[in-house]
């Protein structure tokens, strides 16, 4: 029996020539939405007993994925994107099976190389707005005014990497929430807060099937040294003071001609090393729409060691398989480590 909150996945296709139709025979799917990704990915397996989808669909066609109550109505958007690949197979007596692989609108900034040019002076905000504006991706800038002198956009460098390079070296974060790109200190959205519990006490608490709590120190370094390349060859050392001196791990990277640029390189590398060192993974039954970038409280009441943790939703994965059915997997991280 379905839970009162249970929803099912629907897929609405719009071809490049503006034809539209809805597909309700999505057999299996895998959708991941992550605030740190330039483009979120989806994979759909559609059971098609008749007709040829490869004649109907093409790469670049738009796909809208949403959750709908089993009784119909009240549709909630999960992800909108574009088809990258279509793979259709057929066997006599079994009909057709089509697999659609695609990504959301971030694919444009990820797969488009930035226009090679040299900016004598440009602000980080204007640089990002110019790159994202080409693809109508909204930008929310929350950082200080940062001037970039003699910025050369290299051939083959995509738009996302161009922006992220300067955001991280200035101790700012580049992330996406609900289709908007943000630059600044990470701040969770406050429109909704989730509560997950193993033994729910009221309707606000969302029950989970299982929980994994992971700590990973493989990428953590206490020190990052950056060696400059100019005449002075400045050496900059960035230290993570949250780690004890006995945690003797050091990374050495190449810097730039000036001490200031070399320090930026070291800060960028230190920030990247912190991403995902502490995580909680929750698995929930069914397709329950959870929005990344929001606060979440995790309660464990049962067992010898209960706890209550308030972290941030970093990513959500919606999946359905023949063996596991529909599940929603949520990844949470401490706010200071969501994006490093």
C-alpha atoms as a PDB file:
ATOM      1  CA  UNK A   1       0.000   0.000   0.000  1.00  0.00           C
ATOM      2  CA  UNK A   2       1.353   3.399  -0.949  1.00  0.00           C
ATOM      3  CA  UNK A   3       2.134   6.002   1.684  1.00  0.00           C
ATOM      4  CA  UNK A   4       0.038   9.195   1.560  1.00  0.00           C
ATOM      5  CA  UNK A   5       3.109  11.195   0.492  1.00  0.00           C
ATOM      6  CA  UNK A   6       4.183   8.716  -2.182  1.00  0.00           C
ATOM      7  CA  UNK A   7       4.786  10.094  -5.676  1.00  0.00           C
ATOM      8  CA  UNK A   8       5.723   8.521  -9.006  1.00  0.00           C
ATOM      9  CA  UNK A   9       8.094   9.755 -11.690  1.00  0.00           C
ATOM     10  CA  UNK A  10       6.753  11.363 -14.848  1.00  0.00           C
ATOM     11  CA  UNK A  11       8.772  12.415 -17.907  1.00  0.00           C
ATOM     12  CA  UNK A  12       7.687  15.116 -20.346  1.00  0.00           C
ATOM     13  CA  UNK A  13       9.656  15.352 -23.607  1.00  0.00           C
ATOM     14  CA  UNK A  14       9.925  18.373 -25.902  1.00  0.00           C
ATOM     15  CA  UNK A  15      11.753  17.862 -29.175  1.00  0.00           C
ATOM     16  CA  UNK A  16      13.845  20.474 -30.904  1.00  0.00           C
ATOM     17  CA  UNK A  17      10.949  21.112 -33.303  1.00  0.00           C
ATOM     18  CA  UNK A  18       8.646  21.818 -30.288  1.00  0.00           C
ATOM     19  CA  UNK A  19       6.633  18.576 -30.327  1.00  0.00           C
ATOM     20  CA  UNK A  20       5.653  17.425 -26.828  1.00  0.00           C
ATOM     21  CA  UNK A  21       4.452  14.235 -25.222  1.00  0.00           C
ATOM     22  CA  UNK A  22       4.471  12.556 -21.828  1.00  0.00           C
ATOM     23  CA  UNK A  23       5.992   9.157 -21.090  1.00  0.00           C
ATOM     24  CA  UNK A  24       4.632   7.158 -18.150  1.00  0.00           C
ATOM     25  CA  UNK A  25       6.480   3.909 -18.809  1.00  0.00           C
ATOM     26  CA  UNK A  26       9.797   4.851 -17.216  1.00  0.00           C
ATOM     27  CA  UNK A  27      10.992   1.463 -15.987  1.00  0.00           C
ATOM     28  CA  UNK A  28      14.207   2.406 -14.204  1.00  0.00           C
ATOM     29  CA  UNK A  29      15.914   5.708 -13.517  1.00  0.00           C
ATOM     30  CA  UNK A  30      18.892   7.314 -11.848  1.00  0.00           C
ATOM     31  CA  UNK A  31      18.861  11.076 -11.211  1.00  0.00           C
ATOM     32  CA  UNK A  32      21.458  12.936  -9.141  1.00  0.00           C
ATOM     33  CA  UNK A  33      21.219  16.589  -8.086  1.00  0.00           C
ATOM     34  CA  UNK A  34      24.336  17.967  -6.389  1.00  0.00           C
ATOM     35  CA  UNK A  35      24.964  21.592  -5.427  1.00  0.00           C
ATOM     36  CA  UNK A  36      28.648  21.338  -6.326  1.00  0.00           C
ATOM     37  CA  UNK A  37      28.112  19.996  -9.865  1.00  0.00           C
ATOM     38  CA  UNK A  38      28.086  22.174 -12.924  1.00  0.00           C
ATOM     39  CA  UNK A  39      25.602  19.793 -14.576  1.00  0.00           C
ATOM     40  CA  UNK A  40      23.337  17.237 -12.899  1.00  0.00           C
ATOM     41  CA  UNK A  41      22.864  13.905 -14.682  1.00  0.00           C
ATOM     42  CA  UNK A  42      19.879  11.648 -15.320  1.00  0.00           C
ATOM     43  CA  UNK A  43      19.512   8.181 -16.860  1.00  0.00           C
ATOM     44  CA  UNK A  44      16.098   6.826 -17.858  1.00  0.00           C
ATOM     45  CA  UNK A  45      15.159   3.342 -19.054  1.00  0.00           C
ATOM     46  CA  UNK A  46      11.833   3.340 -20.893  1.00  0.00           C
ATOM     47  CA  UNK A  47       9.926   0.166 -21.718  1.00  0.00           C
ATOM     48  CA  UNK A  48       8.514   0.631 -25.210  1.00  0.00           C
ATOM     49  CA  UNK A  49       6.508  -2.273 -26.573  1.00  0.00           C
ATOM     50  CA  UNK A  50       5.853  -0.586 -29.897  1.00  0.00           C
ATOM     51  CA  UNK A  51       7.273   2.304 -31.879  1.00  0.00           C
ATOM     52  CA  UNK A  52      10.810   3.529 -32.387  1.00  0.00           C
ATOM     53  CA  UNK A  53      11.924   6.212 -29.981  1.00  0.00           C
ATOM     54  CA  UNK A  54      15.135   6.837 -31.877  1.00  0.00           C
ATOM     55  CA  UNK A  55      12.930   8.128 -34.697  1.00  0.00           C
ATOM     56  CA  UNK A  56      11.058  10.410 -32.311  1.00  0.00           C
ATOM     57  CA  UNK A  57      13.808  11.685 -30.000  1.00  0.00           C
ATOM     58  CA  UNK A  58      17.237  13.130 -30.618  1.00  0.00           C
ATOM     59  CA  UNK A  59      20.149  14.558 -28.687  1.00  0.00           C
ATOM     60  CA  UNK A  60      19.388  18.079 -27.529  1.00  0.00           C
ATOM     61  CA  UNK A  61      15.701  17.376 -26.939  1.00  0.00           C
ATOM     62  CA  UNK A  62      14.424  18.694 -23.627  1.00  0.00           C
ATOM     63  CA  UNK A  63      13.293  16.437 -20.765  1.00  0.00           C
ATOM     64  CA  UNK A  64      11.235  17.565 -17.765  1.00  0.00           C
ATOM     65  CA  UNK A  65      11.218  15.121 -14.848  1.00  0.00           C
ATOM     66  CA  UNK A  66       8.752  15.592 -12.050  1.00  0.00           C
ATOM     67  CA  UNK A  67       7.061  13.708  -9.236  1.00  0.00           C
ATOM     68  CA  UNK A  68       3.287  13.332  -9.144  1.00  0.00           C
ATOM     69  CA  UNK A  69       0.876  11.941  -6.579  1.00  0.00           C
ATOM     70  CA  UNK A  70      -0.274   8.439  -7.433  1.00  0.00           C
ATOM     71  CA  UNK A  71      -3.823   9.791  -7.643  1.00  0.00           C
ATOM     72  CA  UNK A  72      -2.651  12.489 -10.072  1.00  0.00           C
ATOM     73  CA  UNK A  73      -2.115  16.220  -9.818  1.00  0.00           C
ATOM     74  CA  UNK A  74       0.242  18.305  -7.673  1.00  0.00           C
ATOM     75  CA  UNK A  75       3.330  17.827  -9.823  1.00  0.00           C
ATOM     76  CA  UNK A  76       6.668  18.802  -8.302  1.00  0.00           C
ATOM     77  CA  UNK A  77       9.662  19.422 -10.553  1.00  0.00           C
ATOM     78  CA  UNK A  78      12.732  17.258  -9.936  1.00  0.00           C
ATOM     79  CA  UNK A  79      14.975  18.151 -12.847  1.00  0.00           C
ATOM     80  CA  UNK A  80      14.841  19.653 -16.331  1.00  0.00           C
ATOM     81  CA  UNK A  81      17.573  18.869 -18.805  1.00  0.00           C
ATOM     82  CA  UNK A  82      18.632  17.850 -22.281  1.00  0.00           C
ATOM     83  CA  UNK A  83      19.363  14.490 -23.899  1.00  0.00           C
ATOM     84  CA  UNK A  84      23.023  13.630 -24.466  1.00  0.00           C
ATOM     85  CA  UNK A  85      22.687  10.032 -25.702  1.00  0.00           C
ATOM     86  CA  UNK A  86      19.940   7.638 -26.776  1.00  0.00           C
ATOM     87  CA  UNK A  87      20.454   3.874 -26.840  1.00  0.00           C
ATOM     88  CA  UNK A  88      17.608   1.719 -28.165  1.00  0.00           C
ATOM     89  CA  UNK A  89      17.614  -2.072 -28.211  1.00  0.00           C
ATOM     90  CA  UNK A  90      15.085  -4.585 -29.503  1.00  0.00           C
ATOM     91  CA  UNK A  91      14.516  -8.315 -29.086  1.00  0.00           C
ATOM     92  CA  UNK A  92      11.679 -10.318 -30.737  1.00  0.00           C
ATOM     93  CA  UNK A  93       8.971 -11.068 -28.206  1.00  0.00           C
ATOM     94  CA  UNK A  94      10.364  -8.615 -25.690  1.00  0.00           C
ATOM     95  CA  UNK A  95       9.827  -5.323 -27.479  1.00  0.00           C
ATOM     96  CA  UNK A  96      12.009  -2.248 -27.307  1.00  0.00           C
ATOM     97  CA  UNK A  97      13.998  -0.790 -24.468  1.00  0.00           C
ATOM     98  CA  UNK A  98      15.410   2.700 -24.691  1.00  0.00           C
ATOM     99  CA  UNK A  99      17.989   4.285 -22.415  1.00  0.00           C
ATOM    100  CA  UNK A 100      18.212   8.065 -22.295  1.00  0.00           C
ATOM    101  CA  UNK A 101      21.268   9.728 -20.786  1.00  0.00           C
ATOM    102  CA  UNK A 102      21.261  13.470 -20.235  1.00  0.00           C
ATOM    103  CA  UNK A 103      22.165  16.476 -18.097  1.00  0.00           C
ATOM    104  CA  UNK A 104      20.472  19.660 -16.971  1.00  0.00           C
ATOM    105  CA  UNK A 105      21.084  23.198 -18.265  1.00  0.00           C
ATOM    106  CA  UNK A 106      24.512  23.281 -16.638  1.00  0.00           C
ATOM    107  CA  UNK A 107      25.697  21.182 -19.567  1.00  0.00           C
ATOM    108  CA  UNK A 108      26.008  24.352 -21.629  1.00  0.00           C
ATOM    109  CA  UNK A 109      28.477  26.066 -19.332  1.00  0.00           C
ATOM    110  CA  UNK A 110      30.323  22.777 -18.821  1.00  0.00           C
ATOM    111  CA  UNK A 111      30.584  21.712 -22.456  1.00  0.00           C
ATOM    112  CA  UNK A 112      31.165  25.184 -23.920  1.00  0.00           C
ATOM    113  CA  UNK A 113      34.742  26.368 -23.932  1.00  0.00           C
ATOM    114  CA  UNK A 114      34.980  29.937 -22.716  1.00  0.00           C
ATOM    115  CA  UNK A 115      35.812  32.455 -25.454  1.00  0.00           C
ATOM    116  CA  UNK A 116      39.623  32.935 -25.425  1.00  0.00           C
ATOM    117  CA  UNK A 117      40.386  36.535 -24.531  1.00  0.00           C
ATOM    118  CA  UNK A 118      42.490  38.658 -22.227  1.00  0.00           C
ATOM    119  CA  UNK A 119      40.804  40.995 -19.744  1.00  0.00           C
ATOM    120  CA  UNK A 120      43.073  43.800 -18.601  1.00  0.00           C
ATOM    121  CA  UNK A 121      40.788  44.368 -15.616  1.00  0.00           C
ATOM    122  CA  UNK A 122      37.481  42.647 -14.879  1.00  0.00           C
ATOM    123  CA  UNK A 123      35.571  41.800 -11.722  1.00  0.00           C
ATOM    124  CA  UNK A 124      34.771  38.210 -10.803  1.00  0.00           C
ATOM    125  CA  UNK A 125      31.063  39.072 -10.873  1.00  0.00           C
ATOM    126  CA  UNK A 126      31.242  40.465 -14.420  1.00  0.00           C
ATOM    127  CA  UNK A 127      33.359  37.537 -15.610  1.00  0.00           C
ATOM    128  CA  UNK A 128      30.829  35.027 -14.261  1.00  0.00           C
ATOM    129  CA  UNK A 129      27.820  37.014 -15.474  1.00  0.00           C
ATOM    130  CA  UNK A 130      29.240  37.138 -18.994  1.00  0.00           C
ATOM    131  CA  UNK A 131      29.864  33.395 -19.147  1.00  0.00           C
ATOM    132  CA  UNK A 132      26.553  32.327 -17.572  1.00  0.00           C
ATOM    133  CA  UNK A 133      24.498  34.992 -19.304  1.00  0.00           C
ATOM    134  CA  UNK A 134      25.244  33.457 -22.686  1.00  0.00           C
ATOM    135  CA  UNK A 135      23.123  30.462 -21.612  1.00  0.00           C
ATOM    136  CA  UNK A 136      20.499  32.352 -19.563  1.00  0.00           C
ATOM    137  CA  UNK A 137      21.683  30.762 -16.321  1.00  0.00           C
ATOM    138  CA  UNK A 138      20.822  33.064 -13.372  1.00  0.00           C
ATOM    139  CA  UNK A 139      23.736  34.276 -11.225  1.00  0.00           C
ATOM    140  CA  UNK A 140      23.484  35.294  -7.574  1.00  0.00           C
ATOM    141  CA  UNK A 141      26.685  37.028  -6.483  1.00  0.00           C
ATOM    142  CA  UNK A 142      27.221  37.348  -2.724  1.00  0.00           C
ATOM    143  CA  UNK A 143      30.944  38.096  -2.566  1.00  0.00           C
ATOM    144  CA  UNK A 144      32.944  41.311  -2.312  1.00  0.00           C
ATOM    145  CA  UNK A 145      34.119  43.196  -5.381  1.00  0.00           C
ATOM    146  CA  UNK A 146      37.117  41.226  -6.650  1.00  0.00           C
ATOM    147  CA  UNK A 147      39.153  42.660  -9.509  1.00  0.00           C
ATOM    148  CA  UNK A 148      40.999  40.241 -11.742  1.00  0.00           C
ATOM    149  CA  UNK A 149      43.981  41.839 -13.452  1.00  0.00           C
ATOM    150  CA  UNK A 150      45.332  40.605 -16.788  1.00  0.00           C
ATOM    151  CA  UNK A 151      43.016  37.619 -16.894  1.00  0.00           C
ATOM    152  CA  UNK A 152      43.696  35.339 -19.836  1.00  0.00           C
ATOM    153  CA  UNK A 153      40.976  32.850 -20.703  1.00  0.00           C
ATOM    154  CA  UNK A 154      42.894  29.899 -22.113  1.00  0.00           C
ATOM    155  CA  UNK A 155      41.895  27.934 -25.185  1.00  0.00           C
ATOM    156  CA  UNK A 156      40.002  24.782 -24.190  1.00  0.00           C
ATOM    157  CA  UNK A 157      39.022  25.989 -20.711  1.00  0.00           C
ATOM    158  CA  UNK A 158      35.294  25.589 -20.103  1.00  0.00           C
ATOM    159  CA  UNK A 159      33.163  28.294 -18.577  1.00  0.00           C
ATOM    160  CA  UNK A 160      32.580  26.587 -15.221  1.00  0.00           C
ATOM    161  CA  UNK A 161      36.287  25.996 -14.570  1.00  0.00           C
ATOM    162  CA  UNK A 162      37.074  29.579 -15.551  1.00  0.00           C
ATOM    163  CA  UNK A 163      34.706  30.911 -12.872  1.00  0.00           C
ATOM    164  CA  UNK A 164      35.560  28.325 -10.207  1.00  0.00           C
ATOM    165  CA  UNK A 165      39.297  28.969 -10.493  1.00  0.00           C
ATOM    166  CA  UNK A 166      38.919  32.561  -9.314  1.00  0.00           C
ATOM    167  CA  UNK A 167      36.134  31.866  -6.825  1.00  0.00           C
ATOM    168  CA  UNK A 168      38.128  29.282  -4.868  1.00  0.00           C
ATOM    169  CA  UNK A 169      41.397  31.213  -4.863  1.00  0.00           C
ATOM    170  CA  UNK A 170      39.508  34.146  -3.291  1.00  0.00           C
ATOM    171  CA  UNK A 171      38.003  31.850  -0.639  1.00  0.00           C
ATOM    172  CA  UNK A 172      34.552  31.979  -2.254  1.00  0.00           C
ATOM    173  CA  UNK A 173      32.396  29.056  -3.315  1.00  0.00           C
ATOM    174  CA  UNK A 174      30.705  28.293  -6.606  1.00  0.00           C
ATOM    175  CA  UNK A 175      27.523  26.246  -6.267  1.00  0.00           C
ATOM    176  CA  UNK A 176      24.053  25.650  -7.701  1.00  0.00           C
ATOM    177  CA  UNK A 177      20.685  25.604  -5.946  1.00  0.00           C
ATOM    178  CA  UNK A 178      17.426  25.227  -7.871  1.00  0.00           C
ATOM    179  CA  UNK A 179      19.011  26.076 -11.214  1.00  0.00           C
ATOM    180  CA  UNK A 180      20.729  29.257 -10.029  1.00  0.00           C
ATOM    181  CA  UNK A 181      24.500  29.634  -9.776  1.00  0.00           C
ATOM    182  CA  UNK A 182      25.800  31.247  -6.595  1.00  0.00           C
ATOM    183  CA  UNK A 183      29.198  32.781  -5.870  1.00  0.00           C
ATOM    184  CA  UNK A 184      30.061  33.681  -2.286  1.00  0.00           C
ATOM    185  CA  UNK A 185      30.190  32.198   1.168  1.00  0.00           C
ATOM    186  CA  UNK A 186      27.910  29.182   1.196  1.00  0.00           C
ATOM    187  CA  UNK A 187      24.549  29.851   2.819  1.00  0.00           C
ATOM    188  CA  UNK A 188      21.811  27.174   2.930  1.00  0.00           C
ATOM    189  CA  UNK A 189      18.371  28.118   1.650  1.00  0.00           C
ATOM    190  CA  UNK A 190      15.872  28.658   4.466  1.00  0.00           C
ATOM    191  CA  UNK A 191      12.540  27.996   2.742  1.00  0.00           C
ATOM    192  CA  UNK A 192      12.374  24.451   4.092  1.00  0.00           C
ATOM    193  CA  UNK A 193      14.220  22.362   6.697  1.00  0.00           C
ATOM    194  CA  UNK A 194      14.097  18.583   6.820  1.00  0.00           C
ATOM    195  CA  UNK A 195      14.008  16.197   9.767  1.00  0.00           C
ATOM    196  CA  UNK A 196      15.032  12.565   9.213  1.00  0.00           C
ATOM    197  CA  UNK A 197      14.510   9.983  11.970  1.00  0.00           C
ATOM    198  CA  UNK A 198      14.740   6.244  12.509  1.00  0.00           C
ATOM    199  CA  UNK A 199      11.718   6.381  14.861  1.00  0.00           C
ATOM    200  CA  UNK A 200       9.518   9.289  13.725  1.00  0.00           C
ATOM    201  CA  UNK A 201       7.531  11.023  16.471  1.00  0.00           C
ATOM    202  CA  UNK A 202       5.346  13.218  14.249  1.00  0.00           C
ATOM    203  CA  UNK A 203       4.466  13.847  10.603  1.00  0.00           C
ATOM    204  CA  UNK A 204       7.321  16.343  10.151  1.00  0.00           C
ATOM    205  CA  UNK A 205       9.908  13.605  10.656  1.00  0.00           C
ATOM    206  CA  UNK A 206      10.823  11.612   7.545  1.00  0.00           C
ATOM    207  CA  UNK A 207      11.594   7.917   8.178  1.00  0.00           C
ATOM    208  CA  UNK A 208      14.717   6.450   6.624  1.00  0.00           C
ATOM    209  CA  UNK A 209      15.463   2.859   5.673  1.00  0.00           C
ATOM    210  CA  UNK A 210      19.138   2.930   6.615  1.00  0.00           C
ATOM    211  CA  UNK A 211      21.897   5.352   7.431  1.00  0.00           C
ATOM    212  CA  UNK A 212      25.656   5.474   6.824  1.00  0.00           C
ATOM    213  CA  UNK A 213      27.952   7.928   8.550  1.00  0.00           C
ATOM    214  CA  UNK A 214      31.369   8.274   6.955  1.00  0.00           C
ATOM    215  CA  UNK A 215      34.564  10.113   7.773  1.00  0.00           C
ATOM    216  CA  UNK A 216      37.275  10.163   5.134  1.00  0.00           C
ATOM    217  CA  UNK A 217      40.696  11.689   5.620  1.00  0.00           C
ATOM    218  CA  UNK A 218      42.376  10.398   2.480  1.00  0.00           C
ATOM    219  CA  UNK A 219      42.362  13.818   0.816  1.00  0.00           C
ATOM    220  CA  UNK A 220      42.808  16.009   3.898  1.00  0.00           C
ATOM    221  CA  UNK A 221      46.121  17.823   4.259  1.00  0.00           C
ATOM    222  CA  UNK A 222      47.245  19.910   7.189  1.00  0.00           C
ATOM    223  CA  UNK A 223      49.549  21.983   5.017  1.00  0.00           C
ATOM    224  CA  UNK A 224      49.559  23.100   1.395  1.00  0.00           C
ATOM    225  CA  UNK A 225      52.796  24.634   0.118  1.00  0.00           C
ATOM    226  CA  UNK A 226      52.786  26.576  -3.119  1.00  0.00           C
ATOM    227  CA  UNK A 227      56.089  27.355  -4.852  1.00  0.00           C
ATOM    228  CA  UNK A 228      56.134  30.490  -6.992  1.00  0.00           C
ATOM    229  CA  UNK A 229      57.700  30.684 -10.447  1.00  0.00           C
ATOM    230  CA  UNK A 230      58.937  34.298 -10.555  1.00  0.00           C
ATOM    231  CA  UNK A 231      62.411  35.635  -9.863  1.00  0.00           C
ATOM    232  CA  UNK A 232      61.740  35.723  -6.138  1.00  0.00           C
ATOM    233  CA  UNK A 233      60.178  32.232  -6.268  1.00  0.00           C
ATOM    234  CA  UNK A 234      57.910  32.888  -3.277  1.00  0.00           C
ATOM    235  CA  UNK A 235      56.864  29.972  -1.105  1.00  0.00           C
ATOM    236  CA  UNK A 236      53.440  30.208   0.555  1.00  0.00           C
ATOM    237  CA  UNK A 237      52.280  27.803   3.277  1.00  0.00           C
ATOM    238  CA  UNK A 238      48.588  27.440   4.150  1.00  0.00           C
ATOM    239  CA  UNK A 239      47.878  25.548   7.376  1.00  0.00           C
ATOM    240  CA  UNK A 240      44.591  23.917   8.433  1.00  0.00           C
ATOM    241  CA  UNK A 241      44.684  24.742  12.142  1.00  0.00           C
ATOM    242  CA  UNK A 242      41.702  22.497  12.830  1.00  0.00           C
ATOM    243  CA  UNK A 243      44.062  19.542  12.409  1.00  0.00           C
ATOM    244  CA  UNK A 244      46.726  18.842  15.057  1.00  0.00           C
ATOM    245  CA  UNK A 245      50.429  19.249  14.344  1.00  0.00           C
ATOM    246  CA  UNK A 246      50.842  15.489  14.626  1.00  0.00           C
ATOM    247  CA  UNK A 247      48.653  15.126  11.502  1.00  0.00           C
ATOM    248  CA  UNK A 248      51.701  15.388   9.281  1.00  0.00           C
ATOM    249  CA  UNK A 249      50.312  15.602   5.793  1.00  0.00           C
ATOM    250  CA  UNK A 250      51.591  18.083   3.276  1.00  0.00           C
ATOM    251  CA  UNK A 251      50.764  18.868  -0.354  1.00  0.00           C
ATOM    252  CA  UNK A 252      53.134  20.815  -2.609  1.00  0.00           C
ATOM    253  CA  UNK A 253      51.763  22.600  -5.684  1.00  0.00           C
ATOM    254  CA  UNK A 254      53.058  25.044  -8.269  1.00  0.00           C
ATOM    255  CA  UNK A 255      52.255  28.691  -7.680  1.00  0.00           C
ATOM    256  CA  UNK A 256      52.538  31.852  -9.779  1.00  0.00           C
ATOM    257  CA  UNK A 257      54.961  34.703 -10.325  1.00  0.00           C
ATOM    258  CA  UNK A 258      53.656  36.862  -7.486  1.00  0.00           C
ATOM    259  CA  UNK A 259      53.208  36.014  -3.820  1.00  0.00           C
ATOM    260  CA  UNK A 260      49.547  37.069  -3.939  1.00  0.00           C
ATOM    261  CA  UNK A 261      48.715  34.718  -6.808  1.00  0.00           C
ATOM    262  CA  UNK A 262      50.728  31.927  -5.245  1.00  0.00           C
ATOM    263  CA  UNK A 263      48.753  32.310  -2.021  1.00  0.00           C
ATOM    264  CA  UNK A 264      45.510  32.118  -3.978  1.00  0.00           C
ATOM    265  CA  UNK A 265      46.639  28.844  -5.559  1.00  0.00           C
ATOM    266  CA  UNK A 266      47.389  27.349  -2.138  1.00  0.00           C
ATOM    267  CA  UNK A 267      43.994  28.424  -0.748  1.00  0.00           C
ATOM    268  CA  UNK A 268      42.190  26.926  -3.709  1.00  0.00           C
ATOM    269  CA  UNK A 269      43.886  23.563  -3.246  1.00  0.00           C
ATOM    270  CA  UNK A 270      43.222  23.530   0.502  1.00  0.00           C
ATOM    271  CA  UNK A 271      39.515  24.216  -0.113  1.00  0.00           C
ATOM    272  CA  UNK A 272      39.187  21.372  -2.616  1.00  0.00           C
ATOM    273  CA  UNK A 273      40.780  18.919  -0.187  1.00  0.00           C
ATOM    274  CA  UNK A 274      38.061  19.477   2.417  1.00  0.00           C
ATOM    275  CA  UNK A 275      35.071  18.565   0.263  1.00  0.00           C
ATOM    276  CA  UNK A 276      33.219  15.477   1.481  1.00  0.00           C
ATOM    277  CA  UNK A 277      35.458  14.455   4.379  1.00  0.00           C
ATOM    278  CA  UNK A 278      32.392  14.029   6.626  1.00  0.00           C
ATOM    279  CA  UNK A 279      29.131  12.659   5.257  1.00  0.00           C
ATOM    280  CA  UNK A 280      25.856  11.098   6.258  1.00  0.00           C
ATOM    281  CA  UNK A 281      24.024   9.007   3.669  1.00  0.00           C
ATOM    282  CA  UNK A 282      20.320   8.332   4.162  1.00  0.00           C
ATOM    283  CA  UNK A 283      18.192   6.013   2.057  1.00  0.00           C
ATOM    284  CA  UNK A 284      14.450   6.685   1.961  1.00  0.00           C
ATOM    285  CA  UNK A 285      11.750   4.512   0.450  1.00  0.00           C
ATOM    286  CA  UNK A 286       9.966   5.903  -2.591  1.00  0.00           C
ATOM    287  CA  UNK A 287      10.339   9.048  -4.652  1.00  0.00           C
ATOM    288  CA  UNK A 288      10.259  11.805  -2.046  1.00  0.00           C
ATOM    289  CA  UNK A 289      11.356  15.194  -3.360  1.00  0.00           C
ATOM    290  CA  UNK A 290      14.196  16.595  -1.219  1.00  0.00           C
ATOM    291  CA  UNK A 291      15.843  19.855  -2.252  1.00  0.00           C
ATOM    292  CA  UNK A 292      19.654  20.141  -1.982  1.00  0.00           C
ATOM    293  CA  UNK A 293      21.105  23.187  -0.241  1.00  0.00           C
ATOM    294  CA  UNK A 294      18.743  23.068   2.770  1.00  0.00           C
ATOM    295  CA  UNK A 295      19.318  22.403   6.457  1.00  0.00           C
ATOM    296  CA  UNK A 296      18.497  18.911   7.666  1.00  0.00           C
ATOM    297  CA  UNK A 297      18.386  17.368  11.133  1.00  0.00           C
ATOM    298  CA  UNK A 298      19.208  13.676  11.441  1.00  0.00           C
ATOM    299  CA  UNK A 299      17.909  11.848  14.524  1.00  0.00           C
ATOM    300  CA  UNK A 300      18.985   8.391  15.575  1.00  0.00           C
ATOM    301  CA  UNK A 301      16.921   7.297  18.582  1.00  0.00           C
ATOM    302  CA  UNK A 302      17.393   3.533  18.468  1.00  0.00           C
ATOM    303  CA  UNK A 303      20.594   1.620  19.123  1.00  0.00           C
ATOM    304  CA  UNK A 304      23.230   1.972  21.835  1.00  0.00           C
ATOM    305  CA  UNK A 305      24.484   5.348  20.588  1.00  0.00           C
ATOM    306  CA  UNK A 306      21.823   7.756  19.477  1.00  0.00           C
ATOM    307  CA  UNK A 307      22.588  11.219  18.181  1.00  0.00           C
ATOM    308  CA  UNK A 308      21.089  14.337  16.643  1.00  0.00           C
ATOM    309  CA  UNK A 309      23.052  16.093  13.900  1.00  0.00           C
ATOM    310  CA  UNK A 310      22.149  19.265  11.978  1.00  0.00           C
ATOM    311  CA  UNK A 311      23.903  19.260   8.609  1.00  0.00           C
ATOM    312  CA  UNK A 312      23.178  20.443   5.064  1.00  0.00           C
ATOM    313  CA  UNK A 313      21.758  18.465   2.129  1.00  0.00           C
ATOM    314  CA  UNK A 314      24.598  18.336  -0.410  1.00  0.00           C
ATOM    315  CA  UNK A 315      23.075  15.991  -2.991  1.00  0.00           C
ATOM    316  CA  UNK A 316      20.015  13.868  -3.676  1.00  0.00           C
ATOM    317  CA  UNK A 317      19.780  10.781  -5.842  1.00  0.00           C
ATOM    318  CA  UNK A 318      16.466   9.444  -7.140  1.00  0.00           C
ATOM    319  CA  UNK A 319      16.636   5.869  -8.356  1.00  0.00           C
ATOM    320  CA  UNK A 320      14.436   2.967  -9.332  1.00  0.00           C
ATOM    321  CA  UNK A 321      15.558  -0.556 -10.170  1.00  0.00           C
ATOM    322  CA  UNK A 322      13.865  -3.916 -10.615  1.00  0.00           C
ATOM    323  CA  UNK A 323      15.620  -5.234  -7.496  1.00  0.00           C
ATOM    324  CA  UNK A 324      15.435  -2.274  -5.129  1.00  0.00           C
ATOM    325  CA  UNK A 325      12.297  -0.461  -6.236  1.00  0.00           C
ATOM    326  CA  UNK A 326      12.063   3.313  -5.818  1.00  0.00           C
ATOM    327  CA  UNK A 327      14.487   4.946  -3.401  1.00  0.00           C
ATOM    328  CA  UNK A 328      15.696   8.452  -2.596  1.00  0.00           C
ATOM    329  CA  UNK A 329      19.257   8.744  -1.308  1.00  0.00           C
ATOM    330  CA  UNK A 330      20.321  11.905   0.519  1.00  0.00           C
ATOM    331  CA  UNK A 331      23.920  13.004   1.204  1.00  0.00           C
ATOM    332  CA  UNK A 332      24.463  15.479   4.047  1.00  0.00           C
ATOM    333  CA  UNK A 333      27.635  17.293   5.129  1.00  0.00           C
ATOM    334  CA  UNK A 334      28.607  19.784   7.847  1.00  0.00           C
ATOM    335  CA  UNK A 335      28.106  23.325   6.598  1.00  0.00           C
ATOM    336  CA  UNK A 336      31.843  24.135   6.698  1.00  0.00           C
ATOM    337  CA  UNK A 337      32.586  21.093   4.533  1.00  0.00           C
ATOM    338  CA  UNK A 338      29.703  21.141   2.050  1.00  0.00           C
ATOM    339  CA  UNK A 339      31.913  22.796  -0.533  1.00  0.00           C
ATOM    340  CA  UNK A 340      35.267  22.769   1.244  1.00  0.00           C
END
